[in-house]
Amino acid sequence: MFFKNLQTGVEWEVTDPDHVKRCQNDKNYEEVKQEQPKKEQPKKGKQSPKKEGE
């Protein structure tokens, strides 16, 4: 889970269950949703042929 320190603006990844509970109960932290990195989609269209020797 990720939490943002509202005083500093720093976002932290918190993995320890006890630490997660502490952050959830602390008014100085808010949980933030992290966007999943988008997988790069293969480009559509023609690919240029490779030249020999490359």
C-alpha atoms as a PDB file:
ATOM      1  CA  MET A   1       0.000   0.000   0.000  1.00  0.00           C
ATOM      2  CA  PHE A   2       1.117   3.547  -0.616  1.00  0.00           C
ATOM      3  CA  PHE A   3       0.626   6.402   1.806  1.00  0.00           C
ATOM      4  CA  LYS A   4       1.208  10.120   1.365  1.00  0.00           C
ATOM      5  CA  ASN A   5       2.542  12.224   4.199  1.00  0.00           C
ATOM      6  CA  LEU A   6       0.231  15.231   4.109  1.00  0.00           C
ATOM      7  CA  GLN A   7       2.809  17.511   5.767  1.00  0.00           C
ATOM      8  CA  THR A   8       5.656  16.805   3.336  1.00  0.00           C
ATOM      9  CA  GLY A   9       3.874  15.427   0.265  1.00  0.00           C
ATOM     10  CA  VAL A  10       6.174  12.401   0.179  1.00  0.00           C
ATOM     11  CA  GLU A  11       4.607   9.094  -0.847  1.00  0.00           C
ATOM     12  CA  TRP A  12       5.762   5.882   0.807  1.00  0.00           C
ATOM     13  CA  GLU A  13       5.229   2.249  -0.014  1.00  0.00           C
ATOM     14  CA  VAL A  14       4.357   0.457   3.216  1.00  0.00           C
ATOM     15  CA  THR A  15       4.465  -3.335   3.290  1.00  0.00           C
ATOM     16  CA  ASP A  16       4.572  -4.207   6.995  1.00  0.00           C
ATOM     17  CA  PRO A  17       1.006  -4.926   8.214  1.00  0.00           C
ATOM     18  CA  ASP A  18       1.554  -3.163  11.560  1.00  0.00           C
ATOM     19  CA  HIS A  19       2.963  -0.099   9.821  1.00  0.00           C
ATOM     20  CA  VAL A  20       0.011  -0.077   7.391  1.00  0.00           C
ATOM     21  CA  LYS A  21      -2.398   0.004  10.358  1.00  0.00           C
ATOM     22  CA  ARG A  22      -0.449   2.843  11.950  1.00  0.00           C
ATOM     23  CA  CYS A  23      -0.564   4.903   8.753  1.00  0.00           C
ATOM     24  CA  GLN A  24      -4.291   4.226   8.301  1.00  0.00           C
ATOM     25  CA  ASN A  25      -4.947   5.560  11.803  1.00  0.00           C
ATOM     26  CA  ASP A  26      -2.647   8.582  11.517  1.00  0.00           C
ATOM     27  CA  LYS A  27      -4.333  11.790  10.315  1.00  0.00           C
ATOM     28  CA  ASN A  28      -1.027  12.936   8.772  1.00  0.00           C
ATOM     29  CA  TYR A  29      -1.128  10.118   6.199  1.00  0.00           C
ATOM     30  CA  GLU A  30      -3.584   9.278   3.459  1.00  0.00           C
ATOM     31  CA  GLU A  31      -3.697   6.163   1.330  1.00  0.00           C
ATOM     32  CA  VAL A  32      -2.992   6.759  -2.334  1.00  0.00           C
ATOM     33  CA  LYS A  33      -3.720   4.532  -5.278  1.00  0.00           C
ATOM     34  CA  GLN A  34      -0.719   3.846  -7.472  1.00  0.00           C
ATOM     35  CA  GLU A  35      -1.438   3.470 -11.160  1.00  0.00           C
ATOM     36  CA  GLN A  36      -0.264   0.201 -12.596  1.00  0.00           C
ATOM     37  CA  PRO A  37       2.384   0.777 -15.229  1.00  0.00           C
ATOM     38  CA  LYS A  38       0.844   0.340 -18.639  1.00  0.00           C
ATOM     39  CA  LYS A  39       2.314  -2.416 -20.714  1.00  0.00           C
ATOM     40  CA  GLU A  40       3.681  -1.096 -23.954  1.00  0.00           C
ATOM     41  CA  GLN A  41       1.412  -2.081 -26.793  1.00  0.00           C
ATOM     42  CA  PRO A  42       3.081  -3.397 -29.925  1.00  0.00           C
ATOM     43  CA  LYS A  43       2.947  -0.828 -32.673  1.00  0.00           C
ATOM     44  CA  LYS A  44       0.571  -1.611 -35.458  1.00  0.00           C
ATOM     45  CA  GLY A  45       1.573  -1.213 -39.053  1.00  0.00           C
ATOM     46  CA  LYS A  46       4.364  -2.331 -41.242  1.00  0.00           C
ATOM     47  CA  GLN A  47       7.782  -2.885 -39.816  1.00  0.00           C
ATOM     48  CA  SER A  48      10.727  -1.955 -41.913  1.00  0.00           C
ATOM     49  CA  PRO A  49      12.807  -4.985 -42.874  1.00  0.00           C
ATOM     50  CA  LYS A  50      16.222  -5.257 -41.283  1.00  0.00           C
ATOM     51  CA  LYS A  51      19.156  -4.852 -43.549  1.00  0.00           C
ATOM     52  CA  GLU A  52      21.651  -7.656 -43.659  1.00  0.00           C
ATOM     53  CA  GLY A  53      24.570  -7.102 -41.331  1.00  0.00           C
ATOM     54  CA  GLU A  54      22.607  -5.243 -38.651  1.00  0.00           C
END
